[in-house]
Structure formats: C-alpha cells, structure tokens
Amino acid sequence: MKLRLILTHLLFCVICSHSLTGFAQEDDVSNDSSSFRSGYKHKGFHAGLYVGAFWANRHTAYIYDGYGFDENGQRNTFSNSILYNQIVNVYGGANGGNDYIAQLLNVNHGDWYFTEQDMPINLRYTTTYLVGLNARYQIHKKAGIMLNINASKLIVNGKFTISSTTRNNGFQSQAKINEFTITGAEQRLMFQLGYQRILGDNEKLNLMVEGGLNIIFSKAQKNQAFLNSELNEGANNFTIDLMTVYNQPPYSFYSVKYLIGAGIGAVGGIGFHLTFNPRYTVQLLYSPSYDRVGLGYNPSFRLQHGVGLRVYFNMS
C-alpha cells in the first residue's frame, strides 16, 4: 500500500510537470508570434533602396543662363556674356564670317538683333528622379540611426529670343520675336545622416518622422542653346555648346569652382511606416530639405522637396 501511494504521488508530479511545461511552451510560442507580427523582435542593421521624385530649388539654375562668370567670380555683363559672344560674334558673322543666324531666320544680314532683353530668364529645374542606397541601425523597436546616399540628375529649361525684321520693297516690316531653348544638366549626390522615429504601436502601419544632416556634392554637366528654325526649312539647325567655352582660357582658370561644389543642409521626413514581416518594411515619405548648394557665385540656403518610397531589409 505504501509503495502504491508513492507511485501515485510520483505519477501526479510528472503529470503536473508536463502540464506546466506545455503551458510555458505555448506562452513562448505566443510571445514569438507576437514578436513576429510586430516586426520589432530584432534590433540591428537594415539595408534599403529608395526611389522617388525630387523638386530642386530654382536658385542655382541661373548658372545656365548664358552669362557666365568674370575673373572675379561675378556674373558677366551682357556684352561679355558667353551667349552673346557665341550668337553675335561666332555664329552671327560679326567678324566677317558667315551669318548663320540670318540664314536660320531667313533674313538678310543686319536684319536681326540680340539684346540684353533677349537673354534667358526664369530658368528652373524640372521635376526629376531621386534614387539611393539607404541603411539604418535599429536601436530598438521605435528608434534608429539612418545613413542615406541618394543621387539625382537635374535638367534646367529656359527660353531666350532673337528678334528679326523683314523687308518689303525696301521697307522694314514689323519685328518678329523668335524663341529658342536653352538647357542645362546637373548631377547631385547627397549624403544624409540622421535619426528616425516610429510613432505608434500598431502591428502593421504607423507614422514615422526623421531628420538629420544633408551634405550635397553638385556638378554642372551641360549647358546648351538650341537654334531651330520654323521659318526656313532649308536652314541648318545647330546647337551651341556653352560648356566648351568654360574649358578655354580665360574661363578655364577660374570658372570651374563655380560649376562644381559641395554644400550642406538639413533634411527631414514624415510619412508612413509599413511592416510586412520582421524582414521587410516599407516607408512612404515626404522629405523636405533646407540646403546650401555649392554652385555659382552666391550660394545660399533654400528649401527643396522630395517624395519617395523606401524599402528596408532586416539583416540581423
């Protein structure tokens, strides 16, 4: 009887122990599942890709307006400007050469003119892309340190004019204003270091904010004036490459520093943080920045804007 009581007691202890172990395992599974759903189980490094649209401030677009810079780094006067020299002296037959401008406009030599009022104005950057490699170190489930490297190629568009007149029986008729296009192209590379914060406790979708330092490297690549005639179909249309002038003396000695530069600023961001699973998260955000782009003779801080999609992969 005594042995039976001992065996019964041991069996009861085994059953209780097994039951407690089962409950503990179920609780661990529940915790793991909860951590899986939340997407914040592991802290560590996340690697990402960014693609979006970028609106650059128009302040530095003036460097593509055809004026150029003098030896003191200031804007050229109209009579010394690169565009005036190319149109009037090189292509306009001012030095006894062929007047390609008159041929283009289908007028006689001397029946067209190019004044300071014809120079390009209101140049601006067009909406362009912004792509990059992004990384962050997740400190805990709501905070992280971010490092972004984003790149963009910007296009500048503007208009300039050349006025012309035609003669009827030896008398000049009303002047005609002929409009042409001037463009520029520019590369930008942005290094961003900052702090990112997730707002909210939802398992899938939350708000997020970020902010930090923005370092910008810029380089002017192209500056061209396109002269295409709608009046003379037989005329040879041509393009004036204004950047080639910067490679010739005296421009080559001082203008490069106004066409290549580094700047600094501050970048922010606000948007949505979507967790698919512990491995993948997606952020849709608006990113304004307040930057000093190091181009031209008078760089200053200006506001710029970006909207994009960022995808992170958890490497931990």
C-alpha atoms as a PDB file:
ATOM      1  CA  MET A   1       0.000   0.000   0.000  1.00  0.00           C
ATOM      2  CA  LYS A   2       2.791   2.365   0.879  1.00  0.00           C
ATOM      3  CA  LEU A   3       4.544   1.646  -2.429  1.00  0.00           C
ATOM      4  CA  ARG A   4       1.290   2.294  -4.279  1.00  0.00           C
ATOM      5  CA  LEU A   5       0.913   5.682  -2.613  1.00  0.00           C
ATOM      6  CA  ILE A   6       4.476   6.614  -3.546  1.00  0.00           C
ATOM      7  CA  LEU A   7       3.957   5.620  -7.209  1.00  0.00           C
ATOM      8  CA  THR A   8       0.674   7.525  -7.327  1.00  0.00           C
ATOM      9  CA  HIS A   9       2.407  10.632  -5.937  1.00  0.00           C
ATOM     10  CA  LEU A  10       5.233  10.382  -8.478  1.00  0.00           C
ATOM     11  CA  LEU A  11       2.771   9.984 -11.356  1.00  0.00           C
ATOM     12  CA  PHE A  12       0.861  13.073 -10.167  1.00  0.00           C
ATOM     13  CA  CYS A  13       4.114  15.093 -10.070  1.00  0.00           C
ATOM     14  CA  VAL A  14       5.061  14.003 -13.596  1.00  0.00           C
ATOM     15  CA  ILE A  15       1.641  14.938 -14.942  1.00  0.00           C
ATOM     16  CA  CYS A  16       1.777  18.367 -13.257  1.00  0.00           C
ATOM     17  CA  SER A  17       5.302  18.970 -14.512  1.00  0.00           C
ATOM     18  CA  HIS A  18       4.305  18.079 -18.068  1.00  0.00           C
ATOM     19  CA  SER A  19       1.287  20.359 -17.905  1.00  0.00           C
ATOM     20  CA  LEU A  20       3.340  23.320 -16.673  1.00  0.00           C
ATOM     21  CA  THR A  21       5.940  22.749 -19.392  1.00  0.00           C
ATOM     22  CA  GLY A  22       3.213  22.695 -22.022  1.00  0.00           C
ATOM     23  CA  PHE A  23       1.792  25.975 -20.777  1.00  0.00           C
ATOM     24  CA  ALA A  24       5.251  27.545 -20.789  1.00  0.00           C
ATOM     25  CA  GLN A  25       5.874  26.394 -24.350  1.00  0.00           C
ATOM     26  CA  GLU A  26       2.548  27.764 -25.502  1.00  0.00           C
ATOM     27  CA  ASP A  27       3.385  31.102 -23.865  1.00  0.00           C
ATOM     28  CA  ASP A  28       6.766  31.188 -25.641  1.00  0.00           C
ATOM     29  CA  VAL A  29       5.106  30.445 -28.958  1.00  0.00           C
ATOM     30  CA  SER A  30       2.591  33.202 -28.277  1.00  0.00           C
ATOM     31  CA  ASN A  31       5.400  35.643 -27.480  1.00  0.00           C
ATOM     32  CA  ASP A  32       7.306  34.642 -30.617  1.00  0.00           C
ATOM     33  CA  SER A  33       4.180  35.055 -32.704  1.00  0.00           C
ATOM     34  CA  SER A  34       3.547  38.463 -31.159  1.00  0.00           C
ATOM     35  CA  SER A  35       7.128  39.479 -31.858  1.00  0.00           C
ATOM     36  CA  PHE A  36       6.817  38.199 -35.424  1.00  0.00           C
ATOM     37  CA  ARG A  37       3.679  40.228 -36.000  1.00  0.00           C
ATOM     38  CA  SER A  38       5.121  43.393 -34.532  1.00  0.00           C
ATOM     39  CA  GLY A  39       8.222  43.264 -36.739  1.00  0.00           C
ATOM     40  CA  TYR A  40      10.442  44.647 -33.935  1.00  0.00           C
ATOM     41  CA  LYS A  41      11.862  41.447 -32.485  1.00  0.00           C
ATOM     42  CA  HIS A  42      15.464  42.112 -33.525  1.00  0.00           C
ATOM     43  CA  LYS A  43      17.481  45.273 -33.382  1.00  0.00           C
ATOM     44  CA  GLY A  44      20.384  45.659 -35.785  1.00  0.00           C
ATOM     45  CA  PHE A  45      21.274  46.770 -39.297  1.00  0.00           C
ATOM     46  CA  HIS A  46      18.728  47.265 -42.072  1.00  0.00           C
ATOM     47  CA  ALA A  47      19.695  47.835 -45.727  1.00  0.00           C
ATOM     48  CA  GLY A  48      17.350  49.653 -48.084  1.00  0.00           C
ATOM     49  CA  LEU A  49      16.630  51.117 -51.500  1.00  0.00           C
ATOM     50  CA  TYR A  50      14.964  54.455 -52.210  1.00  0.00           C
ATOM     51  CA  VAL A  51      13.222  55.747 -55.340  1.00  0.00           C
ATOM     52  CA  GLY A  52      11.250  58.954 -55.642  1.00  0.00           C
ATOM     53  CA  ALA A  53      10.714  62.377 -57.203  1.00  0.00           C
ATOM     54  CA  PHE A  54      12.768  65.495 -56.453  1.00  0.00           C
ATOM     55  CA  TRP A  55      11.990  69.205 -56.845  1.00  0.00           C
ATOM     56  CA  ALA A  56      15.172  71.288 -56.689  1.00  0.00           C
ATOM     57  CA  ASN A  57      15.072  74.934 -55.727  1.00  0.00           C
ATOM     58  CA  ARG A  58      15.500  77.194 -58.777  1.00  0.00           C
ATOM     59  CA  HIS A  59      18.067  79.469 -57.089  1.00  0.00           C
ATOM     60  CA  THR A  60      21.139  77.854 -58.716  1.00  0.00           C
ATOM     61  CA  ALA A  61      19.505  77.454 -62.160  1.00  0.00           C
ATOM     62  CA  TYR A  62      20.833  80.892 -63.146  1.00  0.00           C
ATOM     63  CA  ILE A  63      24.310  79.442 -63.794  1.00  0.00           C
ATOM     64  CA  TYR A  64      22.885  78.032 -67.064  1.00  0.00           C
ATOM     65  CA  ASP A  65      21.545  81.385 -68.353  1.00  0.00           C
ATOM     66  CA  GLY A  66      24.465  82.025 -70.733  1.00  0.00           C
ATOM     67  CA  TYR A  67      26.059  84.924 -68.842  1.00  0.00           C
ATOM     68  CA  GLY A  68      28.964  83.044 -67.301  1.00  0.00           C
ATOM     69  CA  PHE A  69      31.415  84.479 -64.746  1.00  0.00           C
ATOM     70  CA  ASP A  70      34.197  87.026 -64.894  1.00  0.00           C
ATOM     71  CA  GLU A  71      37.690  86.676 -63.408  1.00  0.00           C
ATOM     72  CA  ASN A  72      36.381  87.860 -60.025  1.00  0.00           C
ATOM     73  CA  GLY A  73      33.708  85.213 -59.942  1.00  0.00           C
ATOM     74  CA  GLN A  74      30.889  87.659 -60.591  1.00  0.00           C
ATOM     75  CA  ARG A  75      28.262  87.447 -63.293  1.00  0.00           C
ATOM     76  CA  ASN A  76      29.447  88.676 -66.683  1.00  0.00           C
ATOM     77  CA  THR A  77      27.976  91.809 -68.210  1.00  0.00           C
ATOM     78  CA  PHE A  78      25.760  91.267 -71.223  1.00  0.00           C
ATOM     79  CA  SER A  79      28.426  92.365 -73.710  1.00  0.00           C
ATOM     80  CA  ASN A  80      30.905  89.930 -72.163  1.00  0.00           C
ATOM     81  CA  SER A  81      28.441  87.081 -71.758  1.00  0.00           C
ATOM     82  CA  ILE A  82      29.108  83.692 -73.321  1.00  0.00           C
ATOM     83  CA  LEU A  83      25.743  83.513 -75.107  1.00  0.00           C
ATOM     84  CA  TYR A  84      26.107  86.987 -76.631  1.00  0.00           C
ATOM     85  CA  ASN A  85      29.616  86.222 -77.870  1.00  0.00           C
ATOM     86  CA  GLN A  86      28.514  82.941 -79.442  1.00  0.00           C
ATOM     87  CA  ILE A  87      25.363  84.291 -81.130  1.00  0.00           C
ATOM     88  CA  VAL A  88      26.696  87.661 -82.321  1.00  0.00           C
ATOM     89  CA  ASN A  89      30.414  87.139 -82.851  1.00  0.00           C
ATOM     90  CA  VAL A  90      30.787  83.432 -83.634  1.00  0.00           C
ATOM     91  CA  TYR A  91      27.539  82.499 -85.425  1.00  0.00           C
ATOM     92  CA  GLY A  92      26.307  85.968 -86.342  1.00  0.00           C
ATOM     93  CA  GLY A  93      29.056  86.955 -88.778  1.00  0.00           C
ATOM     94  CA  ALA A  94      30.204  89.965 -86.737  1.00  0.00           C
ATOM     95  CA  ASN A  95      33.821  89.402 -87.723  1.00  0.00           C
ATOM     96  CA  GLY A  96      33.179  88.953 -91.438  1.00  0.00           C
ATOM     97  CA  GLY A  97      32.269  85.270 -91.263  1.00  0.00           C
ATOM     98  CA  ASN A  98      29.077  83.542 -92.319  1.00  0.00           C
ATOM     99  CA  ASP A  99      25.926  84.835 -90.682  1.00  0.00           C
ATOM    100  CA  TYR A 100      24.325  81.562 -89.675  1.00  0.00           C
ATOM    101  CA  ILE A 101      21.723  83.376 -87.573  1.00  0.00           C
ATOM    102  CA  ALA A 102      20.437  85.292 -90.631  1.00  0.00           C
ATOM    103  CA  GLN A 103      20.280  82.060 -92.610  1.00  0.00           C
ATOM    104  CA  LEU A 104      18.392  80.391 -89.798  1.00  0.00           C
ATOM    105  CA  LEU A 105      15.846  83.209 -89.562  1.00  0.00           C
ATOM    106  CA  ASN A 106      15.653  83.614 -93.347  1.00  0.00           C
ATOM    107  CA  VAL A 107      16.535  87.314 -93.216  1.00  0.00           C
ATOM    108  CA  ASN A 108      19.352  89.483 -94.524  1.00  0.00           C
ATOM    109  CA  HIS A 109      22.493  90.162 -92.573  1.00  0.00           C
ATOM    110  CA  GLY A 110      21.759  93.110 -90.299  1.00  0.00           C
ATOM    111  CA  ASP A 111      18.016  92.391 -90.119  1.00  0.00           C
ATOM    112  CA  TRP A 112      18.189  90.615 -86.787  1.00  0.00           C
ATOM    113  CA  TYR A 113      19.401  91.682 -83.349  1.00  0.00           C
ATOM    114  CA  PHE A 114      20.133  90.173 -79.963  1.00  0.00           C
ATOM    115  CA  THR A 115      19.871  92.465 -76.924  1.00  0.00           C
ATOM    116  CA  GLU A 116      20.007  92.025 -73.174  1.00  0.00           C
ATOM    117  CA  GLN A 117      16.211  91.737 -73.125  1.00  0.00           C
ATOM    118  CA  ASP A 118      16.580  88.576 -75.236  1.00  0.00           C
ATOM    119  CA  MET A 119      18.713  86.771 -72.652  1.00  0.00           C
ATOM    120  CA  PRO A 120      17.200  83.773 -70.825  1.00  0.00           C
ATOM    121  CA  ILE A 121      15.112  84.476 -67.743  1.00  0.00           C
ATOM    122  CA  ASN A 122      13.076  82.391 -65.304  1.00  0.00           C
ATOM    123  CA  LEU A 123      15.193  79.281 -65.672  1.00  0.00           C
ATOM    124  CA  ARG A 124      14.066  76.454 -63.426  1.00  0.00           C
ATOM    125  CA  TYR A 125      14.767  72.799 -62.729  1.00  0.00           C
ATOM    126  CA  THR A 126      12.240  70.286 -63.984  1.00  0.00           C
ATOM    127  CA  THR A 127      10.835  67.571 -61.732  1.00  0.00           C
ATOM    128  CA  THR A 128      13.305  64.701 -61.712  1.00  0.00           C
ATOM    129  CA  TYR A 129      14.063  61.379 -60.044  1.00  0.00           C
ATOM    130  CA  LEU A 130      15.938  60.646 -56.820  1.00  0.00           C
ATOM    131  CA  VAL A 131      17.368  57.152 -56.179  1.00  0.00           C
ATOM    132  CA  GLY A 132      19.613  55.862 -53.457  1.00  0.00           C
ATOM    133  CA  LEU A 133      21.021  53.256 -51.113  1.00  0.00           C
ATOM    134  CA  ASN A 134      19.765  53.630 -47.553  1.00  0.00           C
ATOM    135  CA  ALA A 135      20.767  51.991 -44.283  1.00  0.00           C
ATOM    136  CA  ARG A 136      19.772  52.241 -40.643  1.00  0.00           C
ATOM    137  CA  TYR A 137      20.752  50.751 -37.318  1.00  0.00           C
ATOM    138  CA  GLN A 138      17.639  49.918 -35.319  1.00  0.00           C
ATOM    139  CA  ILE A 139      18.326  50.870 -31.693  1.00  0.00           C
ATOM    140  CA  HIS A 140      15.013  49.456 -30.507  1.00  0.00           C
ATOM    141  CA  LYS A 141      11.593  48.901 -31.994  1.00  0.00           C
ATOM    142  CA  LYS A 142      10.835  52.624 -32.394  1.00  0.00           C
ATOM    143  CA  ALA A 143      14.162  54.371 -32.995  1.00  0.00           C
ATOM    144  CA  GLY A 144      17.069  54.069 -35.389  1.00  0.00           C
ATOM    145  CA  ILE A 145      20.106  55.854 -36.846  1.00  0.00           C
ATOM    146  CA  MET A 146      19.901  56.302 -40.639  1.00  0.00           C
ATOM    147  CA  LEU A 147      22.575  56.759 -43.309  1.00  0.00           C
ATOM    148  CA  ASN A 148      21.378  57.554 -46.860  1.00  0.00           C
ATOM    149  CA  ILE A 149      23.245  58.032 -50.126  1.00  0.00           C
ATOM    150  CA  ASN A 150      20.933  59.482 -52.787  1.00  0.00           C
ATOM    151  CA  ALA A 151      21.682  60.632 -56.323  1.00  0.00           C
ATOM    152  CA  SER A 152      19.861  62.653 -58.959  1.00  0.00           C
ATOM    153  CA  LYS A 153      20.376  64.172 -62.394  1.00  0.00           C
ATOM    154  CA  LEU A 154      18.694  67.556 -62.791  1.00  0.00           C
ATOM    155  CA  ILE A 155      17.569  69.234 -66.008  1.00  0.00           C
ATOM    156  CA  VAL A 156      17.198  73.006 -66.414  1.00  0.00           C
ATOM    157  CA  ASN A 157      14.988  74.561 -69.083  1.00  0.00           C
ATOM    158  CA  GLY A 158      14.638  78.155 -70.205  1.00  0.00           C
ATOM    159  CA  LYS A 159      13.913  80.346 -73.214  1.00  0.00           C
ATOM    160  CA  PHE A 160      15.784  83.117 -74.991  1.00  0.00           C
ATOM    161  CA  THR A 161      14.825  85.160 -78.049  1.00  0.00           C
ATOM    162  CA  ILE A 162      16.328  86.701 -81.182  1.00  0.00           C
ATOM    163  CA  SER A 163      14.378  89.481 -82.864  1.00  0.00           C
ATOM    164  CA  SER A 164      14.273  89.903 -86.637  1.00  0.00           C
ATOM    165  CA  THR A 165      12.701  92.097 -89.297  1.00  0.00           C
ATOM    166  CA  THR A 166      11.815  91.516 -92.959  1.00  0.00           C
ATOM    167  CA  ARG A 167      11.890  93.988 -95.833  1.00  0.00           C
ATOM    168  CA  ASN A 168       9.070  94.630 -98.305  1.00  0.00           C
ATOM    169  CA  ASN A 169      10.060  96.809-101.260  1.00  0.00           C
ATOM    170  CA  GLY A 170      12.975  98.135 -99.278  1.00  0.00           C
ATOM    171  CA  PHE A 171      10.928  98.976 -96.178  1.00  0.00           C
ATOM    172  CA  GLN A 172      11.214  97.117 -92.904  1.00  0.00           C
ATOM    173  CA  SER A 173       8.090  95.400 -91.629  1.00  0.00           C
ATOM    174  CA  GLN A 174       7.171  94.774 -88.019  1.00  0.00           C
ATOM    175  CA  ALA A 175       9.787  93.000 -85.910  1.00  0.00           C
ATOM    176  CA  LYS A 176       9.308  89.329 -85.135  1.00  0.00           C
ATOM    177  CA  ILE A 177      10.446  87.699 -81.906  1.00  0.00           C
ATOM    178  CA  ASN A 178      11.901  84.228 -82.428  1.00  0.00           C
ATOM    179  CA  GLU A 179      12.029  81.992 -79.357  1.00  0.00           C
ATOM    180  CA  PHE A 180      14.673  79.339 -78.691  1.00  0.00           C
ATOM    181  CA  THR A 181      15.520  76.887 -75.925  1.00  0.00           C
ATOM    182  CA  ILE A 182      18.455  76.833 -73.538  1.00  0.00           C
ATOM    183  CA  THR A 183      19.080  73.842 -71.263  1.00  0.00           C
ATOM    184  CA  GLY A 184      21.392  72.667 -68.532  1.00  0.00           C
ATOM    185  CA  ALA A 185      22.157  69.341 -66.872  1.00  0.00           C
ATOM    186  CA  GLU A 186      23.496  68.789 -63.377  1.00  0.00           C
ATOM    187  CA  GLN A 187      24.467  65.886 -61.135  1.00  0.00           C
ATOM    188  CA  ARG A 188      23.866  65.803 -57.395  1.00  0.00           C
ATOM    189  CA  LEU A 189      24.988  63.306 -54.772  1.00  0.00           C
ATOM    190  CA  MET A 190      23.548  63.580 -51.249  1.00  0.00           C
ATOM    191  CA  PHE A 191      24.870  62.028 -48.032  1.00  0.00           C
ATOM    192  CA  GLN A 192      22.393  62.070 -45.160  1.00  0.00           C
ATOM    193  CA  LEU A 193      22.994  61.098 -41.534  1.00  0.00           C
ATOM    194  CA  GLY A 194      20.172  61.348 -39.043  1.00  0.00           C
ATOM    195  CA  TYR A 195      17.677  59.908 -36.577  1.00  0.00           C
ATOM    196  CA  GLN A 196      14.456  58.065 -37.368  1.00  0.00           C
ATOM    197  CA  ARG A 197      11.492  57.561 -35.024  1.00  0.00           C
ATOM    198  CA  ILE A 198       8.411  55.346 -35.359  1.00  0.00           C
ATOM    199  CA  LEU A 199       5.220  56.849 -33.876  1.00  0.00           C
ATOM    200  CA  GLY A 200       2.533  54.457 -32.695  1.00  0.00           C
ATOM    201  CA  ASP A 201       2.164  50.820 -31.590  1.00  0.00           C
ATOM    202  CA  ASN A 202       0.206  49.339 -34.473  1.00  0.00           C
ATOM    203  CA  GLU A 203       1.477  45.940 -35.629  1.00  0.00           C
ATOM    204  CA  LYS A 204       1.495  46.951 -39.306  1.00  0.00           C
ATOM    205  CA  LEU A 205       1.107  50.652 -40.075  1.00  0.00           C
ATOM    206  CA  ASN A 206       2.487  53.609 -38.131  1.00  0.00           C
ATOM    207  CA  LEU A 207       3.583  57.169 -38.668  1.00  0.00           C
ATOM    208  CA  MET A 208       7.302  57.960 -38.772  1.00  0.00           C
ATOM    209  CA  VAL A 209       9.498  61.046 -38.649  1.00  0.00           C
ATOM    210  CA  GLU A 210      13.188  61.570 -39.333  1.00  0.00           C
ATOM    211  CA  GLY A 211      15.744  64.338 -39.513  1.00  0.00           C
ATOM    212  CA  GLY A 212      19.441  64.948 -39.861  1.00  0.00           C
ATOM    213  CA  LEU A 213      22.395  66.402 -41.737  1.00  0.00           C
ATOM    214  CA  ASN A 214      22.482  66.669 -45.540  1.00  0.00           C
ATOM    215  CA  ILE A 215      25.784  67.029 -47.462  1.00  0.00           C
ATOM    216  CA  ILE A 216      25.416  67.742 -51.204  1.00  0.00           C
ATOM    217  CA  PHE A 217      28.001  67.404 -53.972  1.00  0.00           C
ATOM    218  CA  SER A 218      26.975  69.121 -57.229  1.00  0.00           C
ATOM    219  CA  LYS A 219      28.445  69.326 -60.716  1.00  0.00           C
ATOM    220  CA  ALA A 220      27.183  71.192 -63.790  1.00  0.00           C
ATOM    221  CA  GLN A 221      27.440  68.850 -66.782  1.00  0.00           C
ATOM    222  CA  LYS A 222      25.827  70.506 -69.789  1.00  0.00           C
ATOM    223  CA  ASN A 223      24.727  73.938 -70.955  1.00  0.00           C
ATOM    224  CA  GLN A 224      23.395  74.174 -74.492  1.00  0.00           C
ATOM    225  CA  ALA A 225      21.442  76.633 -76.634  1.00  0.00           C
ATOM    226  CA  PHE A 226      19.314  75.089 -79.402  1.00  0.00           C
ATOM    227  CA  LEU A 227      18.639  77.168 -82.502  1.00  0.00           C
ATOM    228  CA  ASN A 228      15.951  75.544 -84.623  1.00  0.00           C
ATOM    229  CA  SER A 229      14.172  77.456 -87.365  1.00  0.00           C
ATOM    230  CA  GLU A 230      10.458  77.281 -88.097  1.00  0.00           C
ATOM    231  CA  LEU A 231      10.759  79.969 -90.766  1.00  0.00           C
ATOM    232  CA  ASN A 232      13.369  78.399 -93.030  1.00  0.00           C
ATOM    233  CA  GLU A 233      13.040  74.661 -93.530  1.00  0.00           C
ATOM    234  CA  GLY A 234      16.210  74.582 -95.588  1.00  0.00           C
ATOM    235  CA  ALA A 235      18.338  76.198 -92.879  1.00  0.00           C
ATOM    236  CA  ASN A 236      20.812  74.162 -90.887  1.00  0.00           C
ATOM    237  CA  ASN A 237      19.670  73.972 -87.292  1.00  0.00           C
ATOM    238  CA  PHE A 238      22.517  73.955 -84.810  1.00  0.00           C
ATOM    239  CA  THR A 239      23.360  73.684 -81.136  1.00  0.00           C
ATOM    240  CA  ILE A 240      25.727  75.978 -79.238  1.00  0.00           C
ATOM    241  CA  ASP A 241      27.593  74.102 -76.519  1.00  0.00           C
ATOM    242  CA  LEU A 242      28.247  76.744 -73.886  1.00  0.00           C
ATOM    243  CA  MET A 243      30.170  74.371 -71.619  1.00  0.00           C
ATOM    244  CA  THR A 244      33.032  74.116 -74.120  1.00  0.00           C
ATOM    245  CA  VAL A 245      33.723  77.791 -73.515  1.00  0.00           C
ATOM    246  CA  TYR A 246      34.464  77.069 -69.858  1.00  0.00           C
ATOM    247  CA  ASN A 247      37.292  74.788 -70.980  1.00  0.00           C
ATOM    248  CA  GLN A 248      39.027  77.612 -72.848  1.00  0.00           C
ATOM    249  CA  PRO A 249      41.157  80.476 -71.432  1.00  0.00           C
ATOM    250  CA  PRO A 250      40.440  82.603 -69.557  1.00  0.00           C
ATOM    251  CA  TYR A 251      37.340  80.769 -68.325  1.00  0.00           C
ATOM    252  CA  SER A 252      39.225  77.538 -67.668  1.00  0.00           C
ATOM    253  CA  PHE A 253      41.318  79.259 -64.979  1.00  0.00           C
ATOM    254  CA  TYR A 254      38.537  80.296 -62.643  1.00  0.00           C
ATOM    255  CA  SER A 255      35.054  79.153 -63.686  1.00  0.00           C
ATOM    256  CA  VAL A 256      35.372  75.506 -62.635  1.00  0.00           C
ATOM    257  CA  LYS A 257      34.969  76.372 -58.964  1.00  0.00           C
ATOM    258  CA  TYR A 258      31.562  77.901 -59.724  1.00  0.00           C
ATOM    259  CA  LEU A 259      30.347  74.807 -61.603  1.00  0.00           C
ATOM    260  CA  ILE A 260      31.488  72.154 -59.106  1.00  0.00           C
ATOM    261  CA  GLY A 261      30.872  72.452 -55.390  1.00  0.00           C
ATOM    262  CA  ALA A 262      29.915  70.955 -52.054  1.00  0.00           C
ATOM    263  CA  GLY A 263      27.152  72.216 -49.821  1.00  0.00           C
ATOM    264  CA  ILE A 264      25.485  71.447 -46.536  1.00  0.00           C
ATOM    265  CA  GLY A 265      21.976  71.494 -45.161  1.00  0.00           C
ATOM    266  CA  ALA A 266      19.354  69.813 -43.013  1.00  0.00           C
ATOM    267  CA  VAL A 267      16.894  67.148 -44.152  1.00  0.00           C
ATOM    268  CA  GLY A 268      13.656  65.975 -42.585  1.00  0.00           C
ATOM    269  CA  GLY A 269      10.985  63.441 -43.331  1.00  0.00           C
ATOM    270  CA  ILE A 270       7.467  62.452 -42.394  1.00  0.00           C
ATOM    271  CA  GLY A 271       5.397  59.578 -43.675  1.00  0.00           C
ATOM    272  CA  PHE A 272       4.084  56.067 -43.149  1.00  0.00           C
ATOM    273  CA  HIS A 273       5.994  53.029 -41.878  1.00  0.00           C
ATOM    274  CA  LEU A 274       4.518  49.692 -43.043  1.00  0.00           C
ATOM    275  CA  THR A 275       5.758  46.392 -41.559  1.00  0.00           C
ATOM    276  CA  PHE A 276       5.225  43.341 -43.760  1.00  0.00           C
ATOM    277  CA  ASN A 277       7.186  40.952 -41.523  1.00  0.00           C
ATOM    278  CA  PRO A 278      10.358  41.067 -39.412  1.00  0.00           C
ATOM    279  CA  ARG A 279      12.457  41.074 -42.585  1.00  0.00           C
ATOM    280  CA  TYR A 280      10.806  43.734 -44.751  1.00  0.00           C
ATOM    281  CA  THR A 281       9.487  47.205 -44.010  1.00  0.00           C
ATOM    282  CA  VAL A 282       8.335  49.916 -46.414  1.00  0.00           C
ATOM    283  CA  GLN A 283       8.261  53.673 -45.848  1.00  0.00           C
ATOM    284  CA  LEU A 284       6.356  56.232 -47.914  1.00  0.00           C
ATOM    285  CA  LEU A 285       7.604  59.695 -47.019  1.00  0.00           C
ATOM    286  CA  TYR A 286       7.796  63.365 -47.846  1.00  0.00           C
ATOM    287  CA  SER A 287      11.348  64.709 -47.397  1.00  0.00           C
ATOM    288  CA  PRO A 288      11.925  68.478 -47.364  1.00  0.00           C
ATOM    289  CA  SER A 289      15.463  69.800 -47.020  1.00  0.00           C
ATOM    290  CA  TYR A 290      16.982  73.209 -46.367  1.00  0.00           C
ATOM    291  CA  ASP A 291      20.275  73.258 -48.264  1.00  0.00           C
ATOM    292  CA  ARG A 292      23.116  75.455 -49.379  1.00  0.00           C
ATOM    293  CA  VAL A 293      24.045  74.064 -52.812  1.00  0.00           C
ATOM    294  CA  GLY A 294      27.663  74.984 -53.589  1.00  0.00           C
ATOM    295  CA  LEU A 295      27.221  76.255 -57.155  1.00  0.00           C
ATOM    296  CA  GLY A 296      27.527  79.764 -58.577  1.00  0.00           C
ATOM    297  CA  TYR A 297      28.849  82.958 -57.051  1.00  0.00           C
ATOM    298  CA  ASN A 298      26.216  83.446 -54.365  1.00  0.00           C
ATOM    299  CA  PRO A 299      25.159  80.132 -52.757  1.00  0.00           C
ATOM    300  CA  SER A 300      22.545  80.425 -50.025  1.00  0.00           C
ATOM    301  CA  PHE A 301      20.191  78.184 -48.082  1.00  0.00           C
ATOM    302  CA  ARG A 302      16.996  77.271 -49.920  1.00  0.00           C
ATOM    303  CA  LEU A 303      14.102  74.852 -49.408  1.00  0.00           C
ATOM    304  CA  GLN A 304      13.821  71.743 -51.609  1.00  0.00           C
ATOM    305  CA  HIS A 305      11.329  68.878 -51.705  1.00  0.00           C
ATOM    306  CA  GLY A 306      11.227  65.141 -52.300  1.00  0.00           C
ATOM    307  CA  VAL A 307       8.624  62.362 -52.204  1.00  0.00           C
ATOM    308  CA  GLY A 308       9.578  58.715 -52.372  1.00  0.00           C
ATOM    309  CA  LEU A 309       9.314  55.065 -51.392  1.00  0.00           C
ATOM    310  CA  ARG A 310      11.941  53.308 -49.264  1.00  0.00           C
ATOM    311  CA  VAL A 311      12.195  49.532 -48.732  1.00  0.00           C
ATOM    312  CA  TYR A 312      14.275  48.099 -45.884  1.00  0.00           C
ATOM    313  CA  PHE A 313      15.589  44.540 -45.422  1.00  0.00           C
ATOM    314  CA  ASN A 314      16.433  43.445 -41.881  1.00  0.00           C
ATOM    315  CA  MET A 315      19.946  41.943 -41.955  1.00  0.00           C
ATOM    316  CA  SER A 316      20.069  40.918 -38.292  1.00  0.00           C
END
